[in-house]
Amino acid sequence: MTNNKNNTLLLAQSALFVALIAICSQIAVPLPSGVPINLALLAVYLCALIMPLKYSLATVGVYLLLGLIGVPVFAGLKAGPAALFGKTGGYLIGYLLCAAVIGIFRLKLSSFLKRAIVMAIGLIVCYTFGTAWFMHLTGLGLKESLGYCVIPFLPGDAIKIAAAGLLAPKIMHVLY
């Protein structure tokens, strides 16, 4: 494939992944903490596993930028600076960090177990940044913040990691 055709394909895939992250953000279950359970990380995992690092980072960055400028792409159709920089904004920014971790190791992830481990590390980075942000803005302690923002999500996150780990190679086989 020529370089121009490859770049065009990657840009089209990037646009599709921006849309997928936005759609998956709306498939959400609200919780009392204000941090919804949604499928956005599944889309971020797939994006980072399938696309080269710079494209996956640009994709997640465009998603965040769209939300920042007011396009309702965040969970619950939220948007704007208040959504991105509010108490759950650290998790949104954590999507970018998660994609970076996965993207760095992307070409070395030849087995399901390796993919799952790297996605789990990306999730930990996302949770660490997001929880620190949440604690800073709410004044809550670590134990309470983990109870609101991390522990309820772990079973769903395990399912998302398993799904992405199984789906990504199949999608890549079709695309490439």
C-alpha atoms as a PDB file:
ATOM      1  CA  MET A   1       0.000   0.000   0.000  1.00  0.00           C
ATOM      2  CA  THR A   2       1.409   3.390  -0.887  1.00  0.00           C
ATOM      3  CA  ASN A   3       2.161   5.857   1.868  1.00  0.00           C
ATOM      4  CA  ASN A   4      -0.678   8.216   0.827  1.00  0.00           C
ATOM      5  CA  LYS A   5      -3.203   5.375   0.768  1.00  0.00           C
ATOM      6  CA  ASN A   6      -1.943   4.170   4.152  1.00  0.00           C
ATOM      7  CA  ASN A   7      -2.239   7.667   5.649  1.00  0.00           C
ATOM      8  CA  THR A   8      -5.743   8.039   4.229  1.00  0.00           C
ATOM      9  CA  LEU A   9      -6.744   4.680   5.703  1.00  0.00           C
ATOM     10  CA  LEU A  10      -5.319   5.630   9.106  1.00  0.00           C
ATOM     11  CA  LEU A  11      -7.120   8.990   9.082  1.00  0.00           C
ATOM     12  CA  ALA A  12     -10.396   7.284   8.207  1.00  0.00           C
ATOM     13  CA  GLN A  13      -9.853   4.738  10.975  1.00  0.00           C
ATOM     14  CA  SER A  14      -9.046   7.558  13.358  1.00  0.00           C
ATOM     15  CA  ALA A  15     -12.328   9.291  12.543  1.00  0.00           C
ATOM     16  CA  LEU A  16     -14.204   6.030  13.062  1.00  0.00           C
ATOM     17  CA  PHE A  17     -12.516   5.472  16.425  1.00  0.00           C
ATOM     18  CA  VAL A  18     -13.391   9.019  17.548  1.00  0.00           C
ATOM     19  CA  ALA A  19     -17.006   8.196  16.735  1.00  0.00           C
ATOM     20  CA  LEU A  20     -16.752   4.808  18.453  1.00  0.00           C
ATOM     21  CA  ILE A  21     -15.349   6.340  21.651  1.00  0.00           C
ATOM     22  CA  ALA A  22     -18.139   8.935  21.634  1.00  0.00           C
ATOM     23  CA  ILE A  23     -20.824   6.291  21.080  1.00  0.00           C
ATOM     24  CA  CYS A  24     -19.369   3.960  23.702  1.00  0.00           C
ATOM     25  CA  SER A  25     -19.299   6.877  26.165  1.00  0.00           C
ATOM     26  CA  GLN A  26     -23.077   7.102  25.857  1.00  0.00           C
ATOM     27  CA  ILE A  27     -23.587   3.425  26.656  1.00  0.00           C
ATOM     28  CA  ALA A  28     -23.428   4.189  30.361  1.00  0.00           C
ATOM     29  CA  VAL A  29     -24.827   3.291  33.739  1.00  0.00           C
ATOM     30  CA  PRO A  30     -24.808   6.267  36.123  1.00  0.00           C
ATOM     31  CA  LEU A  31     -23.574   5.778  39.675  1.00  0.00           C
ATOM     32  CA  PRO A  32     -24.147   7.953  42.766  1.00  0.00           C
ATOM     33  CA  SER A  33     -20.509   9.105  42.657  1.00  0.00           C
ATOM     34  CA  GLY A  34     -21.146  10.874  39.352  1.00  0.00           C
ATOM     35  CA  VAL A  35     -18.596   8.642  37.598  1.00  0.00           C
ATOM     36  CA  PRO A  36     -20.626   6.521  35.147  1.00  0.00           C
ATOM     37  CA  ILE A  37     -19.808   3.001  34.049  1.00  0.00           C
ATOM     38  CA  ASN A  38     -19.485   3.158  30.271  1.00  0.00           C
ATOM     39  CA  LEU A  39     -17.829   1.413  27.349  1.00  0.00           C
ATOM     40  CA  ALA A  40     -15.478   4.245  26.368  1.00  0.00           C
ATOM     41  CA  LEU A  41     -12.376   2.432  27.614  1.00  0.00           C
ATOM     42  CA  LEU A  42     -13.244  -0.559  25.425  1.00  0.00           C
ATOM     43  CA  ALA A  43     -13.075   1.745  22.400  1.00  0.00           C
ATOM     44  CA  VAL A  44      -9.841   3.334  23.680  1.00  0.00           C
ATOM     45  CA  TYR A  45      -8.292  -0.132  24.148  1.00  0.00           C
ATOM     46  CA  LEU A  46      -9.258  -1.176  20.624  1.00  0.00           C
ATOM     47  CA  CYS A  47      -7.980   2.075  19.152  1.00  0.00           C
ATOM     48  CA  ALA A  48      -4.623   1.765  20.906  1.00  0.00           C
ATOM     49  CA  LEU A  49      -4.218  -1.915  20.011  1.00  0.00           C
ATOM     50  CA  ILE A  50      -5.099  -1.449  16.346  1.00  0.00           C
ATOM     51  CA  MET A  51      -3.674   1.928  15.355  1.00  0.00           C
ATOM     52  CA  PRO A  52      -0.055   3.140  15.487  1.00  0.00           C
ATOM     53  CA  LEU A  53       0.803   5.177  18.591  1.00  0.00           C
ATOM     54  CA  LYS A  54       0.690   8.653  17.061  1.00  0.00           C
ATOM     55  CA  TYR A  55      -2.673   7.953  15.423  1.00  0.00           C
ATOM     56  CA  SER A  56      -4.236   6.463  18.537  1.00  0.00           C
ATOM     57  CA  LEU A  57      -3.047   9.425  20.619  1.00  0.00           C
ATOM     58  CA  ALA A  58      -4.353  11.853  17.998  1.00  0.00           C
ATOM     59  CA  THR A  59      -7.670   9.981  17.947  1.00  0.00           C
ATOM     60  CA  VAL A  60      -8.188  10.153  21.705  1.00  0.00           C
ATOM     61  CA  GLY A  61      -6.942  13.750  21.648  1.00  0.00           C
ATOM     62  CA  VAL A  62      -9.533  14.699  19.012  1.00  0.00           C
ATOM     63  CA  TYR A  63     -12.246  13.037  21.123  1.00  0.00           C
ATOM     64  CA  LEU A  64     -11.182  15.120  24.144  1.00  0.00           C
ATOM     65  CA  LEU A  65     -10.915  18.282  22.042  1.00  0.00           C
ATOM     66  CA  LEU A  66     -14.399  17.767  20.618  1.00  0.00           C
ATOM     67  CA  GLY A  67     -15.753  17.450  24.151  1.00  0.00           C
ATOM     68  CA  LEU A  68     -13.807  20.495  25.293  1.00  0.00           C
ATOM     69  CA  ILE A  69     -15.235  22.724  22.546  1.00  0.00           C
ATOM     70  CA  GLY A  70     -18.774  21.667  23.329  1.00  0.00           C
ATOM     71  CA  VAL A  71     -19.617  18.650  21.206  1.00  0.00           C
ATOM     72  CA  PRO A  72     -21.545  16.344  23.579  1.00  0.00           C
ATOM     73  CA  VAL A  73     -19.286  13.296  23.328  1.00  0.00           C
ATOM     74  CA  PHE A  74     -18.657  12.589  27.018  1.00  0.00           C
ATOM     75  CA  ALA A  75     -20.856  10.256  29.083  1.00  0.00           C
ATOM     76  CA  GLY A  76     -24.380  11.541  29.532  1.00  0.00           C
ATOM     77  CA  LEU A  77     -23.933  13.797  26.474  1.00  0.00           C
ATOM     78  CA  LYS A  78     -21.789  16.153  28.540  1.00  0.00           C
ATOM     79  CA  ALA A  79     -19.332  18.551  26.991  1.00  0.00           C
ATOM     80  CA  GLY A  80     -17.350  21.714  27.569  1.00  0.00           C
ATOM     81  CA  PRO A  81     -14.573  22.759  29.920  1.00  0.00           C
ATOM     82  CA  ALA A  82     -16.687  22.012  33.005  1.00  0.00           C
ATOM     83  CA  ALA A  83     -17.019  18.378  31.915  1.00  0.00           C
ATOM     84  CA  LEU A  84     -13.381  17.931  30.910  1.00  0.00           C
ATOM     85  CA  PHE A  85     -11.943  19.722  33.913  1.00  0.00           C
ATOM     86  CA  GLY A  86     -14.593  18.670  36.457  1.00  0.00           C
ATOM     87  CA  LYS A  87     -14.261  15.950  39.064  1.00  0.00           C
ATOM     88  CA  THR A  88     -14.385  13.126  36.489  1.00  0.00           C
ATOM     89  CA  GLY A  89     -12.203  14.902  33.932  1.00  0.00           C
ATOM     90  CA  GLY A  90      -9.073  13.190  35.164  1.00  0.00           C
ATOM     91  CA  TYR A  91     -10.460   9.886  33.936  1.00  0.00           C
ATOM     92  CA  LEU A  92     -11.171  11.399  30.525  1.00  0.00           C
ATOM     93  CA  ILE A  93      -7.612  12.691  30.296  1.00  0.00           C
ATOM     94  CA  GLY A  94      -6.554   9.279  31.592  1.00  0.00           C
ATOM     95  CA  TYR A  95      -7.901   7.790  28.348  1.00  0.00           C
ATOM     96  CA  LEU A  96      -5.032   9.528  26.576  1.00  0.00           C
ATOM     97  CA  LEU A  97      -2.505   8.153  29.073  1.00  0.00           C
ATOM     98  CA  CYS A  98      -4.005   4.670  28.753  1.00  0.00           C
ATOM     99  CA  ALA A  99      -3.747   4.818  24.958  1.00  0.00           C
ATOM    100  CA  ALA A 100      -0.116   5.932  25.282  1.00  0.00           C
ATOM    101  CA  VAL A 101       0.814   2.980  27.494  1.00  0.00           C
ATOM    102  CA  ILE A 102      -0.861   0.471  25.188  1.00  0.00           C
ATOM    103  CA  GLY A 103       0.467   2.138  22.048  1.00  0.00           C
ATOM    104  CA  ILE A 104       4.068   2.051  23.245  1.00  0.00           C
ATOM    105  CA  PHE A 105       3.926  -1.737  23.528  1.00  0.00           C
ATOM    106  CA  ARG A 106       1.443  -2.372  20.702  1.00  0.00           C
ATOM    107  CA  LEU A 107       3.787  -4.171  18.325  1.00  0.00           C
ATOM    108  CA  LYS A 108       5.020  -6.546  21.044  1.00  0.00           C
ATOM    109  CA  LEU A 109       1.567  -7.741  22.110  1.00  0.00           C
ATOM    110  CA  SER A 110       1.496 -11.070  20.285  1.00  0.00           C
ATOM    111  CA  SER A 111      -0.657 -12.957  22.785  1.00  0.00           C
ATOM    112  CA  PHE A 112      -3.929 -12.392  24.604  1.00  0.00           C
ATOM    113  CA  LEU A 113      -2.113 -12.449  27.956  1.00  0.00           C
ATOM    114  CA  LYS A 114       0.372  -9.756  26.875  1.00  0.00           C
ATOM    115  CA  ARG A 115      -2.456  -7.575  25.547  1.00  0.00           C
ATOM    116  CA  ALA A 116      -4.439  -8.028  28.765  1.00  0.00           C
ATOM    117  CA  ILE A 117      -1.464  -7.155  30.971  1.00  0.00           C
ATOM    118  CA  VAL A 118      -0.649  -3.994  29.021  1.00  0.00           C
ATOM    119  CA  MET A 119      -4.303  -2.910  28.972  1.00  0.00           C
ATOM    120  CA  ALA A 120      -4.438  -3.481  32.747  1.00  0.00           C
ATOM    121  CA  ILE A 121      -1.337  -1.301  33.160  1.00  0.00           C
ATOM    122  CA  GLY A 122      -2.984   1.361  30.975  1.00  0.00           C
ATOM    123  CA  LEU A 123      -6.095   1.131  33.142  1.00  0.00           C
ATOM    124  CA  ILE A 124      -4.015   1.559  36.309  1.00  0.00           C
ATOM    125  CA  VAL A 125      -2.407   4.677  34.824  1.00  0.00           C
ATOM    126  CA  CYS A 126      -5.852   6.030  33.865  1.00  0.00           C
ATOM    127  CA  TYR A 127      -7.242   5.275  37.331  1.00  0.00           C
ATOM    128  CA  THR A 128      -4.225   6.726  39.114  1.00  0.00           C
ATOM    129  CA  PHE A 129      -4.443  10.022  37.257  1.00  0.00           C
ATOM    130  CA  GLY A 130      -8.240  10.168  37.414  1.00  0.00           C
ATOM    131  CA  THR A 131      -8.436   9.309  41.098  1.00  0.00           C
ATOM    132  CA  ALA A 132      -5.752  11.839  42.031  1.00  0.00           C
ATOM    133  CA  TRP A 133      -7.701  14.464  40.052  1.00  0.00           C
ATOM    134  CA  PHE A 134     -10.979  13.414  41.724  1.00  0.00           C
ATOM    135  CA  MET A 135      -9.385  13.580  45.191  1.00  0.00           C
ATOM    136  CA  HIS A 136      -7.927  17.012  44.488  1.00  0.00           C
ATOM    137  CA  LEU A 137     -11.245  18.462  43.329  1.00  0.00           C
ATOM    138  CA  THR A 138     -13.491  16.778  45.905  1.00  0.00           C
ATOM    139  CA  GLY A 139     -11.221  16.784  48.943  1.00  0.00           C
ATOM    140  CA  LEU A 140     -12.060  13.124  49.575  1.00  0.00           C
ATOM    141  CA  GLY A 141      -9.462  10.660  50.793  1.00  0.00           C
ATOM    142  CA  LEU A 142      -7.987   7.767  48.874  1.00  0.00           C
ATOM    143  CA  LYS A 143     -10.142   5.032  50.423  1.00  0.00           C
ATOM    144  CA  GLU A 144     -13.398   6.893  49.786  1.00  0.00           C
ATOM    145  CA  SER A 145     -12.330   7.911  46.279  1.00  0.00           C
ATOM    146  CA  LEU A 146     -11.414   4.338  45.380  1.00  0.00           C
ATOM    147  CA  GLY A 147     -14.839   3.270  46.624  1.00  0.00           C
ATOM    148  CA  TYR A 148     -16.541   5.806  44.373  1.00  0.00           C
ATOM    149  CA  CYS A 149     -14.318   5.733  41.321  1.00  0.00           C
ATOM    150  CA  VAL A 150     -12.414   2.474  41.017  1.00  0.00           C
ATOM    151  CA  ILE A 151     -13.716  -0.553  42.909  1.00  0.00           C
ATOM    152  CA  PRO A 152     -17.249  -0.559  41.406  1.00  0.00           C
ATOM    153  CA  PHE A 153     -15.730  -0.505  37.924  1.00  0.00           C
ATOM    154  CA  LEU A 154     -13.231  -3.357  38.192  1.00  0.00           C
ATOM    155  CA  PRO A 155     -15.531  -6.221  37.099  1.00  0.00           C
ATOM    156  CA  GLY A 156     -16.654  -4.272  34.022  1.00  0.00           C
ATOM    157  CA  ASP A 157     -13.073  -3.278  33.276  1.00  0.00           C
ATOM    158  CA  ALA A 158     -12.009  -6.930  33.327  1.00  0.00           C
ATOM    159  CA  ILE A 159     -14.735  -7.699  30.782  1.00  0.00           C
ATOM    160  CA  LYS A 160     -13.677  -4.740  28.585  1.00  0.00           C
ATOM    161  CA  ILE A 161     -10.036  -5.868  28.687  1.00  0.00           C
ATOM    162  CA  ALA A 162     -11.003  -9.435  27.772  1.00  0.00           C
ATOM    163  CA  ALA A 163     -13.252  -8.241  24.939  1.00  0.00           C
ATOM    164  CA  ALA A 164     -10.623  -5.890  23.500  1.00  0.00           C
ATOM    165  CA  GLY A 165      -7.909  -8.521  23.848  1.00  0.00           C
ATOM    166  CA  LEU A 166      -9.997 -10.990  21.847  1.00  0.00           C
ATOM    167  CA  LEU A 167     -11.447  -8.553  19.295  1.00  0.00           C
ATOM    168  CA  ALA A 168      -8.369  -6.502  18.349  1.00  0.00           C
ATOM    169  CA  PRO A 169      -6.504  -9.272  16.473  1.00  0.00           C
ATOM    170  CA  LYS A 170      -9.662 -10.204  14.563  1.00  0.00           C
ATOM    171  CA  ILE A 171     -10.270  -6.579  13.577  1.00  0.00           C
ATOM    172  CA  MET A 172      -6.618  -6.146  12.575  1.00  0.00           C
ATOM    173  CA  HIS A 173      -6.814  -9.264  10.430  1.00  0.00           C
ATOM    174  CA  VAL A 174      -9.761  -7.782   8.557  1.00  0.00           C
ATOM    175  CA  LEU A 175      -8.176  -4.326   8.209  1.00  0.00           C
ATOM    176  CA  TYR A 176      -4.659  -5.365   7.289  1.00  0.00           C
END
